N, C-alpha and C. Protein backbone atom coordinates (compact mmCIF):
# COMPACT_ATOMS: atom_id res chain seq x y z
N UNK A 1 53.40 -106.97 -88.02
CA UNK A 1 52.67 -107.00 -86.78
C UNK A 1 52.86 -108.36 -86.12
N UNK A 2 53.04 -108.36 -84.82
CA UNK A 2 53.28 -109.63 -84.13
C UNK A 2 51.96 -110.31 -83.79
N UNK A 3 52.01 -111.62 -83.78
CA UNK A 3 50.82 -112.40 -83.42
C UNK A 3 50.68 -112.42 -81.90
N UNK A 4 49.45 -112.52 -81.48
CA UNK A 4 49.16 -112.59 -80.05
C UNK A 4 49.39 -114.03 -79.59
N UNK A 5 50.08 -114.19 -78.48
CA UNK A 5 50.33 -115.54 -77.97
C UNK A 5 49.01 -116.17 -77.54
N UNK A 6 49.01 -117.49 -77.44
CA UNK A 6 47.81 -118.20 -77.02
C UNK A 6 47.40 -117.76 -75.61
N UNK A 7 48.37 -117.59 -74.74
CA UNK A 7 48.08 -117.15 -73.37
C UNK A 7 47.46 -115.75 -73.38
N UNK A 8 48.00 -114.86 -74.22
CA UNK A 8 47.45 -113.51 -74.29
C UNK A 8 46.05 -113.53 -74.90
N UNK A 9 45.82 -114.38 -75.87
CA UNK A 9 44.49 -114.51 -76.48
C UNK A 9 43.47 -114.98 -75.44
N UNK A 10 43.87 -115.94 -74.60
CA UNK A 10 42.97 -116.42 -73.54
C UNK A 10 42.68 -115.32 -72.53
N UNK A 11 43.70 -114.55 -72.19
CA UNK A 11 43.52 -113.43 -71.27
C UNK A 11 42.61 -112.37 -71.88
N UNK A 12 42.78 -112.08 -73.16
CA UNK A 12 41.91 -111.11 -73.85
C UNK A 12 40.46 -111.58 -73.83
N UNK A 13 40.25 -112.86 -74.06
CA UNK A 13 38.90 -113.43 -74.05
C UNK A 13 38.30 -113.31 -72.64
N UNK A 14 39.09 -113.65 -71.62
CA UNK A 14 38.61 -113.55 -70.24
C UNK A 14 38.22 -112.11 -69.92
N UNK A 15 39.04 -111.17 -70.32
CA UNK A 15 38.75 -109.75 -70.07
C UNK A 15 37.49 -109.30 -70.82
N UNK A 16 37.31 -109.77 -72.05
CA UNK A 16 36.12 -109.41 -72.82
C UNK A 16 34.85 -109.95 -72.15
N UNK A 17 34.90 -111.20 -71.69
CA UNK A 17 33.74 -111.80 -71.02
C UNK A 17 33.44 -111.06 -69.72
N UNK A 18 34.46 -110.76 -68.93
CA UNK A 18 34.26 -110.05 -67.66
C UNK A 18 33.67 -108.65 -67.90
N UNK A 19 34.22 -107.94 -68.88
CA UNK A 19 33.70 -106.60 -69.18
C UNK A 19 32.27 -106.68 -69.70
N UNK A 20 31.99 -107.64 -70.56
CA UNK A 20 30.64 -107.79 -71.10
C UNK A 20 29.66 -108.14 -69.98
N UNK A 21 30.06 -109.02 -69.08
CA UNK A 21 29.21 -109.41 -67.97
C UNK A 21 28.79 -108.18 -67.16
N UNK A 22 29.73 -107.31 -66.89
CA UNK A 22 29.44 -106.09 -66.14
C UNK A 22 28.64 -105.10 -66.98
N UNK A 23 29.09 -104.81 -68.18
CA UNK A 23 28.44 -103.79 -69.01
C UNK A 23 27.04 -104.19 -69.44
N UNK A 24 26.81 -105.47 -69.73
CA UNK A 24 25.47 -105.90 -70.10
C UNK A 24 24.50 -105.72 -68.93
N UNK A 25 24.96 -105.96 -67.70
CA UNK A 25 24.09 -105.75 -66.53
C UNK A 25 23.86 -104.27 -66.27
N UNK A 26 24.84 -103.44 -66.58
CA UNK A 26 24.70 -101.99 -66.39
C UNK A 26 23.84 -101.33 -67.45
N UNK A 27 24.11 -101.66 -68.71
CA UNK A 27 23.52 -100.93 -69.83
C UNK A 27 22.56 -101.75 -70.70
N UNK A 28 22.52 -103.03 -70.46
CA UNK A 28 21.71 -103.90 -71.31
C UNK A 28 22.52 -104.40 -72.49
N UNK A 29 22.09 -105.50 -73.03
CA UNK A 29 22.79 -106.13 -74.15
C UNK A 29 22.85 -105.19 -75.35
N UNK A 30 21.74 -104.51 -75.62
CA UNK A 30 21.73 -103.60 -76.77
C UNK A 30 22.30 -102.22 -76.44
N UNK A 31 22.61 -101.99 -75.17
CA UNK A 31 23.17 -100.72 -74.75
C UNK A 31 24.67 -100.64 -74.88
N UNK A 32 25.28 -101.73 -75.30
CA UNK A 32 26.73 -101.75 -75.49
C UNK A 32 27.05 -102.43 -76.81
N UNK A 33 27.79 -101.74 -77.64
CA UNK A 33 28.19 -102.32 -78.92
C UNK A 33 29.47 -103.13 -78.76
N UNK A 34 29.73 -103.96 -79.73
CA UNK A 34 30.98 -104.73 -79.73
C UNK A 34 32.16 -103.77 -79.72
N UNK A 35 32.07 -102.71 -80.52
CA UNK A 35 33.17 -101.74 -80.58
C UNK A 35 33.40 -101.08 -79.22
N UNK A 36 32.31 -100.67 -78.55
CA UNK A 36 32.45 -100.04 -77.24
C UNK A 36 33.01 -101.02 -76.21
N UNK A 37 32.55 -102.25 -76.25
CA UNK A 37 33.04 -103.27 -75.34
C UNK A 37 34.55 -103.46 -75.51
N UNK A 38 34.97 -103.66 -76.74
CA UNK A 38 36.39 -103.91 -76.99
C UNK A 38 37.24 -102.68 -76.65
N UNK A 39 36.71 -101.50 -76.94
CA UNK A 39 37.42 -100.27 -76.58
C UNK A 39 37.61 -100.19 -75.07
N UNK A 40 36.60 -100.64 -74.30
CA UNK A 40 36.68 -100.55 -72.84
C UNK A 40 37.81 -101.39 -72.27
N UNK A 41 38.25 -102.40 -73.02
CA UNK A 41 39.36 -103.23 -72.54
C UNK A 41 40.62 -103.04 -73.38
N UNK A 42 40.60 -102.01 -74.23
CA UNK A 42 41.79 -101.64 -74.98
C UNK A 42 42.10 -102.54 -76.17
N UNK A 43 41.07 -103.17 -76.73
CA UNK A 43 41.28 -104.04 -77.89
C UNK A 43 40.44 -103.56 -79.06
N UNK A 44 40.70 -104.11 -80.23
CA UNK A 44 39.98 -103.71 -81.43
C UNK A 44 38.78 -104.62 -81.69
N UNK A 45 37.87 -104.12 -82.51
CA UNK A 45 36.70 -104.91 -82.89
C UNK A 45 37.13 -106.17 -83.63
N UNK A 46 38.16 -106.08 -84.42
CA UNK A 46 38.68 -107.25 -85.13
C UNK A 46 39.10 -108.35 -84.16
N UNK A 47 39.63 -107.94 -83.02
CA UNK A 47 40.03 -108.90 -82.00
C UNK A 47 38.83 -109.66 -81.44
N UNK A 48 37.69 -108.99 -81.41
CA UNK A 48 36.47 -109.65 -80.92
C UNK A 48 36.15 -110.86 -81.78
N UNK A 49 36.16 -110.67 -83.07
CA UNK A 49 35.74 -111.73 -83.99
C UNK A 49 36.77 -112.86 -84.10
N UNK A 50 37.96 -112.63 -83.56
CA UNK A 50 38.93 -113.73 -83.45
C UNK A 50 38.59 -114.59 -82.24
N UNK A 51 37.88 -114.02 -81.28
CA UNK A 51 37.55 -114.72 -80.04
C UNK A 51 36.15 -115.32 -80.02
N UNK A 52 35.19 -114.63 -80.65
CA UNK A 52 33.78 -115.02 -80.56
C UNK A 52 33.15 -115.05 -81.95
N UNK A 53 32.33 -116.05 -82.23
CA UNK A 53 31.69 -116.11 -83.54
C UNK A 53 30.59 -115.06 -83.70
N UNK A 54 30.04 -114.55 -82.58
CA UNK A 54 28.95 -113.58 -82.66
C UNK A 54 28.79 -112.90 -81.30
N UNK A 55 28.01 -111.83 -81.30
CA UNK A 55 27.70 -111.17 -80.04
C UNK A 55 26.86 -112.10 -79.17
N UNK A 56 26.00 -112.89 -79.78
CA UNK A 56 25.18 -113.83 -79.03
C UNK A 56 26.05 -114.82 -78.25
N UNK A 57 27.12 -115.28 -78.87
CA UNK A 57 28.04 -116.20 -78.18
C UNK A 57 28.66 -115.52 -76.96
N UNK A 58 28.99 -114.25 -77.11
CA UNK A 58 29.53 -113.49 -75.98
C UNK A 58 28.46 -113.31 -74.90
N UNK A 59 27.23 -113.04 -75.28
CA UNK A 59 26.15 -112.87 -74.30
C UNK A 59 26.02 -114.13 -73.46
N UNK A 60 26.06 -115.29 -74.10
CA UNK A 60 25.97 -116.56 -73.38
C UNK A 60 27.10 -116.66 -72.36
N UNK A 61 28.32 -116.42 -72.80
CA UNK A 61 29.47 -116.52 -71.88
C UNK A 61 29.40 -115.48 -70.77
N UNK A 62 28.95 -114.27 -71.10
CA UNK A 62 28.85 -113.22 -70.09
C UNK A 62 27.79 -113.58 -69.05
N UNK A 63 26.66 -114.13 -69.50
CA UNK A 63 25.61 -114.55 -68.56
C UNK A 63 26.11 -115.72 -67.71
N UNK A 64 26.80 -116.67 -68.31
CA UNK A 64 27.36 -117.79 -67.54
C UNK A 64 28.33 -117.27 -66.48
N UNK A 65 29.17 -116.32 -66.86
CA UNK A 65 30.12 -115.75 -65.90
C UNK A 65 29.39 -115.02 -64.77
N UNK A 66 28.37 -114.26 -65.12
CA UNK A 66 27.61 -113.52 -64.11
C UNK A 66 26.90 -114.47 -63.15
N UNK A 67 26.27 -115.52 -63.68
CA UNK A 67 25.62 -116.49 -62.80
C UNK A 67 26.65 -117.28 -62.00
N UNK A 68 27.84 -117.48 -62.55
CA UNK A 68 28.92 -118.10 -61.78
C UNK A 68 29.33 -117.23 -60.60
N UNK A 69 29.37 -115.91 -60.82
CA UNK A 69 29.67 -114.98 -59.73
C UNK A 69 28.57 -115.03 -58.67
N UNK A 70 27.31 -115.14 -59.10
CA UNK A 70 26.21 -115.26 -58.15
C UNK A 70 26.34 -116.53 -57.34
N UNK A 71 26.68 -117.64 -58.00
CA UNK A 71 26.89 -118.90 -57.28
C UNK A 71 27.95 -118.76 -56.20
N UNK A 72 29.05 -118.09 -56.54
CA UNK A 72 30.13 -117.87 -55.56
C UNK A 72 29.65 -117.01 -54.39
N UNK A 73 28.86 -115.99 -54.68
CA UNK A 73 28.33 -115.13 -53.62
C UNK A 73 27.42 -115.94 -52.69
N UNK A 74 26.54 -116.74 -53.26
CA UNK A 74 25.62 -117.54 -52.45
C UNK A 74 26.40 -118.55 -51.61
N UNK A 75 27.40 -119.16 -52.21
CA UNK A 75 28.26 -120.10 -51.48
C UNK A 75 28.98 -119.40 -50.33
N UNK A 76 29.44 -118.16 -50.58
CA UNK A 76 30.14 -117.43 -49.53
C UNK A 76 29.19 -117.10 -48.37
N UNK A 77 27.93 -116.81 -48.68
CA UNK A 77 26.95 -116.56 -47.61
C UNK A 77 26.73 -117.83 -46.80
N UNK A 78 26.60 -118.97 -47.48
CA UNK A 78 26.42 -120.24 -46.77
C UNK A 78 27.62 -120.52 -45.86
N UNK A 79 28.82 -120.33 -46.39
CA UNK A 79 30.04 -120.60 -45.63
C UNK A 79 30.17 -119.66 -44.43
N UNK A 80 29.95 -118.37 -44.66
CA UNK A 80 30.13 -117.38 -43.60
C UNK A 80 29.07 -117.51 -42.51
N UNK A 81 27.86 -117.86 -42.89
CA UNK A 81 26.78 -117.88 -41.91
C UNK A 81 26.65 -119.22 -41.20
N UNK A 82 27.08 -120.29 -41.83
CA UNK A 82 27.03 -121.59 -41.19
C UNK A 82 25.71 -122.32 -41.32
N UNK A 83 24.62 -121.61 -41.52
CA UNK A 83 23.35 -122.29 -41.76
C UNK A 83 22.60 -121.55 -42.87
N UNK A 84 21.85 -122.31 -43.62
CA UNK A 84 21.26 -121.78 -44.84
C UNK A 84 20.19 -120.72 -44.57
N UNK A 85 19.40 -120.87 -43.53
CA UNK A 85 18.38 -119.86 -43.23
C UNK A 85 19.02 -118.50 -42.94
N UNK A 86 20.09 -118.50 -42.18
CA UNK A 86 20.81 -117.26 -41.89
C UNK A 86 21.44 -116.70 -43.16
N UNK A 87 21.99 -117.59 -43.99
CA UNK A 87 22.60 -117.17 -45.25
C UNK A 87 21.55 -116.52 -46.16
N UNK A 88 20.36 -117.11 -46.21
CA UNK A 88 19.28 -116.55 -47.03
C UNK A 88 18.92 -115.15 -46.52
N UNK A 89 18.88 -114.98 -45.21
CA UNK A 89 18.61 -113.65 -44.64
C UNK A 89 19.69 -112.65 -45.02
N UNK A 90 20.94 -113.10 -45.02
CA UNK A 90 22.05 -112.23 -45.41
C UNK A 90 21.93 -111.84 -46.88
N UNK A 91 21.53 -112.80 -47.72
CA UNK A 91 21.32 -112.50 -49.14
C UNK A 91 20.22 -111.46 -49.31
N UNK A 92 19.13 -111.62 -48.59
CA UNK A 92 18.02 -110.66 -48.69
C UNK A 92 18.49 -109.28 -48.26
N UNK A 93 19.26 -109.21 -47.17
CA UNK A 93 19.81 -107.93 -46.71
C UNK A 93 20.64 -107.28 -47.81
N UNK A 94 21.53 -108.06 -48.42
CA UNK A 94 22.38 -107.54 -49.49
C UNK A 94 21.56 -107.14 -50.70
N UNK A 95 20.68 -108.04 -51.12
CA UNK A 95 19.94 -107.83 -52.37
C UNK A 95 19.11 -106.56 -52.32
N UNK A 96 18.51 -106.30 -51.18
CA UNK A 96 17.62 -105.15 -51.04
C UNK A 96 18.32 -103.96 -50.40
N UNK A 97 19.61 -103.82 -50.70
CA UNK A 97 20.41 -102.71 -50.17
C UNK A 97 20.61 -101.64 -51.23
N UNK A 98 20.91 -100.44 -50.76
CA UNK A 98 21.24 -99.34 -51.67
C UNK A 98 22.49 -99.69 -52.49
N UNK A 99 23.43 -100.38 -51.87
CA UNK A 99 24.65 -100.77 -52.58
C UNK A 99 24.33 -101.62 -53.81
N UNK A 100 23.50 -102.65 -53.63
CA UNK A 100 23.13 -103.51 -54.76
C UNK A 100 22.32 -102.72 -55.79
N UNK A 101 21.41 -101.89 -55.31
CA UNK A 101 20.60 -101.08 -56.23
C UNK A 101 21.50 -100.20 -57.10
N UNK A 102 22.50 -99.61 -56.49
CA UNK A 102 23.32 -98.60 -57.18
C UNK A 102 24.48 -99.17 -57.98
N UNK A 103 24.67 -100.49 -57.94
CA UNK A 103 25.77 -101.12 -58.67
C UNK A 103 25.26 -102.29 -59.52
N UNK A 104 24.44 -102.01 -60.51
CA UNK A 104 23.89 -103.11 -61.31
C UNK A 104 24.96 -103.90 -62.06
N UNK A 105 26.07 -103.29 -62.40
CA UNK A 105 27.11 -103.99 -63.15
C UNK A 105 27.74 -105.14 -62.41
N UNK A 106 27.73 -105.07 -61.09
CA UNK A 106 28.28 -106.16 -60.29
C UNK A 106 27.17 -106.87 -59.51
N UNK A 107 25.95 -106.52 -59.83
CA UNK A 107 24.81 -107.09 -59.12
C UNK A 107 24.31 -108.39 -59.73
N UNK A 108 23.16 -108.79 -59.26
CA UNK A 108 22.56 -110.05 -59.64
C UNK A 108 22.24 -110.10 -61.13
N UNK A 109 22.68 -111.15 -61.81
CA UNK A 109 22.38 -111.28 -63.24
C UNK A 109 20.91 -111.57 -63.51
N UNK A 110 20.21 -112.11 -62.52
CA UNK A 110 18.78 -112.36 -62.71
C UNK A 110 18.08 -111.04 -63.00
N UNK A 111 18.41 -110.01 -62.26
CA UNK A 111 17.86 -108.67 -62.49
C UNK A 111 18.57 -107.99 -63.67
N UNK A 112 19.89 -108.15 -63.72
CA UNK A 112 20.68 -107.45 -64.73
C UNK A 112 20.35 -107.82 -66.16
N UNK A 113 19.99 -109.06 -66.40
CA UNK A 113 19.67 -109.51 -67.75
C UNK A 113 18.16 -109.59 -68.00
N UNK A 114 17.34 -109.34 -66.97
CA UNK A 114 15.88 -109.53 -67.08
C UNK A 114 15.26 -108.68 -68.18
N UNK A 115 15.62 -107.42 -68.23
CA UNK A 115 15.04 -106.53 -69.25
C UNK A 115 15.32 -107.01 -70.66
N UNK A 116 16.55 -107.45 -70.89
CA UNK A 116 16.90 -107.95 -72.22
C UNK A 116 16.15 -109.23 -72.56
N UNK A 117 15.99 -110.09 -71.58
CA UNK A 117 15.28 -111.34 -71.82
C UNK A 117 13.81 -111.06 -72.14
N UNK A 118 13.24 -110.04 -71.50
CA UNK A 118 11.84 -109.70 -71.73
C UNK A 118 11.64 -108.97 -73.06
N UNK A 119 12.61 -108.13 -73.46
CA UNK A 119 12.46 -107.33 -74.67
C UNK A 119 12.82 -108.07 -75.94
N UNK A 120 13.79 -108.92 -75.86
CA UNK A 120 14.29 -109.61 -77.04
C UNK A 120 13.61 -110.96 -77.20
N UNK A 121 13.43 -111.36 -78.42
CA UNK A 121 12.90 -112.71 -78.63
C UNK A 121 14.01 -113.73 -78.37
N UNK A 122 14.45 -113.76 -77.12
CA UNK A 122 15.56 -114.63 -76.75
C UNK A 122 15.19 -116.09 -77.01
N UNK A 123 16.11 -116.78 -77.54
CA UNK A 123 15.90 -118.19 -77.80
C UNK A 123 17.25 -118.88 -77.71
N UNK A 124 17.21 -120.17 -77.82
CA UNK A 124 18.45 -120.91 -77.87
C UNK A 124 19.25 -120.82 -76.60
N UNK A 125 20.55 -120.77 -76.78
CA UNK A 125 21.48 -120.88 -75.66
C UNK A 125 21.40 -119.68 -74.71
N UNK A 126 21.10 -118.49 -75.21
CA UNK A 126 21.00 -117.32 -74.33
C UNK A 126 19.86 -117.54 -73.34
N UNK A 127 18.69 -117.89 -73.83
CA UNK A 127 17.54 -118.10 -72.97
C UNK A 127 17.76 -119.28 -72.03
N UNK A 128 18.34 -120.36 -72.55
CA UNK A 128 18.61 -121.53 -71.71
C UNK A 128 19.57 -121.19 -70.57
N UNK A 129 20.59 -120.41 -70.86
CA UNK A 129 21.56 -120.00 -69.83
C UNK A 129 20.88 -119.16 -68.76
N UNK A 130 20.08 -118.20 -69.21
CA UNK A 130 19.38 -117.34 -68.26
C UNK A 130 18.40 -118.14 -67.40
N UNK A 131 17.58 -118.95 -68.04
CA UNK A 131 16.57 -119.74 -67.31
C UNK A 131 17.24 -120.67 -66.30
N UNK A 132 18.33 -121.30 -66.69
CA UNK A 132 19.05 -122.19 -65.77
C UNK A 132 19.58 -121.42 -64.56
N UNK A 133 20.09 -120.22 -64.79
CA UNK A 133 20.58 -119.40 -63.70
C UNK A 133 19.47 -118.99 -62.74
N UNK A 134 18.32 -118.63 -63.29
CA UNK A 134 17.17 -118.24 -62.46
C UNK A 134 16.71 -119.44 -61.63
N UNK A 135 16.61 -120.59 -62.26
CA UNK A 135 16.18 -121.79 -61.54
C UNK A 135 17.15 -122.17 -60.42
N UNK A 136 18.44 -122.05 -60.67
CA UNK A 136 19.43 -122.37 -59.65
C UNK A 136 19.34 -121.40 -58.47
N UNK A 137 19.14 -120.12 -58.77
CA UNK A 137 18.98 -119.11 -57.72
C UNK A 137 17.73 -119.43 -56.90
N UNK A 138 16.62 -119.76 -57.57
CA UNK A 138 15.37 -120.09 -56.87
C UNK A 138 15.56 -121.32 -55.99
N UNK A 139 16.29 -122.32 -56.48
CA UNK A 139 16.54 -123.53 -55.68
C UNK A 139 17.36 -123.20 -54.44
N UNK A 140 18.27 -122.25 -54.55
CA UNK A 140 19.07 -121.85 -53.39
C UNK A 140 18.18 -121.12 -52.38
N UNK A 141 17.23 -120.34 -52.88
CA UNK A 141 16.36 -119.58 -51.99
C UNK A 141 15.44 -120.48 -51.18
N UNK A 142 14.99 -121.60 -51.76
CA UNK A 142 14.07 -122.48 -51.05
C UNK A 142 14.07 -123.86 -51.67
N UNK A 143 13.93 -124.88 -50.83
CA UNK A 143 13.82 -126.24 -51.35
C UNK A 143 12.46 -126.46 -52.00
N UNK A 144 11.49 -125.62 -51.69
CA UNK A 144 10.19 -125.66 -52.37
C UNK A 144 10.31 -124.78 -53.62
N UNK A 145 10.23 -125.40 -54.78
CA UNK A 145 10.46 -124.69 -56.05
C UNK A 145 9.57 -123.47 -56.20
N UNK A 146 8.30 -123.60 -55.84
CA UNK A 146 7.38 -122.46 -56.00
C UNK A 146 7.75 -121.32 -55.06
N UNK A 147 8.09 -121.64 -53.80
CA UNK A 147 8.51 -120.60 -52.86
C UNK A 147 9.78 -119.91 -53.34
N UNK A 148 10.74 -120.70 -53.82
CA UNK A 148 11.99 -120.13 -54.31
C UNK A 148 11.75 -119.18 -55.48
N UNK A 149 10.92 -119.60 -56.42
CA UNK A 149 10.61 -118.73 -57.57
C UNK A 149 9.90 -117.46 -57.12
N UNK A 150 8.98 -117.59 -56.17
CA UNK A 150 8.26 -116.41 -55.68
C UNK A 150 9.23 -115.44 -55.00
N UNK A 151 10.17 -115.97 -54.22
CA UNK A 151 11.14 -115.11 -53.55
C UNK A 151 12.05 -114.41 -54.56
N UNK A 152 12.53 -115.16 -55.55
CA UNK A 152 13.39 -114.56 -56.57
C UNK A 152 12.61 -113.50 -57.35
N UNK A 153 11.38 -113.81 -57.72
CA UNK A 153 10.57 -112.83 -58.46
C UNK A 153 10.35 -111.57 -57.63
N UNK A 154 10.13 -111.74 -56.34
CA UNK A 154 9.94 -110.59 -55.45
C UNK A 154 11.22 -109.77 -55.36
N UNK A 155 12.34 -110.43 -55.16
CA UNK A 155 13.62 -109.72 -55.07
C UNK A 155 13.94 -108.98 -56.36
N UNK A 156 13.81 -109.67 -57.49
CA UNK A 156 14.15 -109.06 -58.78
C UNK A 156 13.21 -107.90 -59.08
N UNK A 157 11.91 -108.10 -58.87
CA UNK A 157 10.97 -107.02 -59.11
C UNK A 157 11.28 -105.80 -58.25
N UNK A 158 11.59 -106.05 -57.00
CA UNK A 158 11.90 -104.95 -56.09
C UNK A 158 13.15 -104.20 -56.52
N UNK A 159 14.21 -104.93 -56.88
CA UNK A 159 15.45 -104.23 -57.23
C UNK A 159 15.29 -103.47 -58.55
N UNK A 160 14.53 -104.03 -59.49
CA UNK A 160 14.29 -103.31 -60.75
C UNK A 160 13.50 -102.03 -60.50
N UNK A 161 12.46 -102.11 -59.68
CA UNK A 161 11.68 -100.91 -59.37
C UNK A 161 12.51 -99.90 -58.56
N UNK A 162 13.31 -100.39 -57.63
CA UNK A 162 14.16 -99.48 -56.85
C UNK A 162 15.18 -98.78 -57.74
N UNK A 163 15.73 -99.50 -58.70
CA UNK A 163 16.67 -98.88 -59.64
C UNK A 163 15.96 -97.87 -60.54
N UNK A 164 14.75 -98.20 -60.95
CA UNK A 164 14.00 -97.30 -61.83
C UNK A 164 13.59 -96.02 -61.13
N UNK A 165 13.49 -96.06 -59.81
CA UNK A 165 13.09 -94.88 -59.04
C UNK A 165 14.22 -94.34 -58.16
N UNK A 166 15.45 -94.78 -58.42
CA UNK A 166 16.60 -94.35 -57.62
C UNK A 166 16.65 -92.83 -57.53
N UNK A 167 16.98 -92.35 -56.34
CA UNK A 167 17.05 -90.92 -56.11
C UNK A 167 15.75 -90.35 -55.55
N UNK A 168 14.75 -91.21 -55.40
CA UNK A 168 13.48 -90.77 -54.83
C UNK A 168 13.24 -91.51 -53.52
N UNK A 169 12.33 -90.97 -52.73
CA UNK A 169 11.95 -91.66 -51.49
C UNK A 169 11.30 -93.00 -51.80
N UNK A 170 10.60 -93.08 -52.93
CA UNK A 170 9.94 -94.32 -53.29
C UNK A 170 10.93 -95.47 -53.42
N UNK A 171 12.10 -95.21 -53.97
CA UNK A 171 13.11 -96.24 -54.13
C UNK A 171 13.46 -96.86 -52.78
N UNK A 172 13.69 -96.02 -51.79
CA UNK A 172 14.01 -96.52 -50.45
C UNK A 172 12.83 -97.30 -49.86
N UNK A 173 11.62 -96.81 -50.07
CA UNK A 173 10.43 -97.49 -49.56
C UNK A 173 10.29 -98.88 -50.18
N UNK A 174 10.58 -98.98 -51.46
CA UNK A 174 10.50 -100.28 -52.15
C UNK A 174 11.45 -101.27 -51.49
N UNK A 175 12.69 -100.84 -51.28
CA UNK A 175 13.67 -101.73 -50.66
C UNK A 175 13.25 -102.12 -49.24
N UNK A 176 12.83 -101.15 -48.47
CA UNK A 176 12.45 -101.41 -47.07
C UNK A 176 11.21 -102.29 -46.96
N UNK A 177 10.17 -101.98 -47.72
CA UNK A 177 8.93 -102.75 -47.59
C UNK A 177 9.09 -104.17 -48.10
N UNK A 178 9.87 -104.35 -49.15
CA UNK A 178 10.12 -105.70 -49.66
C UNK A 178 10.95 -106.49 -48.66
N UNK A 179 11.94 -105.85 -48.08
CA UNK A 179 12.76 -106.51 -47.05
C UNK A 179 11.88 -106.96 -45.91
N UNK A 180 11.01 -106.09 -45.44
CA UNK A 180 10.12 -106.42 -44.35
C UNK A 180 9.21 -107.61 -44.73
N UNK A 181 8.68 -107.58 -45.93
CA UNK A 181 7.77 -108.65 -46.38
C UNK A 181 8.49 -110.00 -46.46
N UNK A 182 9.74 -109.99 -46.89
CA UNK A 182 10.47 -111.25 -47.05
C UNK A 182 11.08 -111.77 -45.76
N UNK A 183 11.25 -110.90 -44.79
CA UNK A 183 11.89 -111.35 -43.55
C UNK A 183 10.94 -111.47 -42.37
N UNK A 184 9.69 -111.02 -42.55
CA UNK A 184 8.71 -111.15 -41.48
C UNK A 184 8.39 -112.63 -41.27
N UNK A 185 8.22 -113.02 -40.01
CA UNK A 185 7.85 -114.42 -39.75
C UNK A 185 6.55 -114.77 -40.49
N UNK A 186 6.47 -115.97 -41.04
CA UNK A 186 5.26 -116.41 -41.74
C UNK A 186 4.08 -116.35 -40.79
N UNK A 187 2.96 -115.92 -41.32
CA UNK A 187 1.74 -115.85 -40.52
C UNK A 187 1.59 -114.53 -39.79
N UNK A 188 2.55 -113.60 -39.97
CA UNK A 188 2.47 -112.30 -39.29
C UNK A 188 1.63 -111.35 -40.10
């Protein structure tokens, strides 16, 4: 059997992290096994353990990759809109859309990993990675830390409830009413 080149090993690792980032947001960390993950990218379980010391190590990298994707999305909104208030409005429009609701695998990692963080006794690097991502998202939402956290909590709660009720009128109402609440002028 031939050995995998260093370049191919790096590519395999990148593919595993990308697939895990998507699948963990879609199905949850416990909803995807190492075997299923590796099968999804055409590799063996043995190949996983050549790349990662544990599933936890992969979870950390997958969360880092997902929050990196969120950072790029937020940056693209800032660049496209030219001013941060308009960019924040664009993010709210996207976040509370049917498209975002229906595509958790490519959606926000704050929502995508929230259930696992709440269910599992997360500690160490996994929790630190998640918390840092949430804090960075909140800081982007508002220079006032409390306002930013409240906005992120509102967005995440809304998208989780909308996903849980997808296919019902309630799901649409959740998205619409939360959008209205977050975009209405203060004091209205």
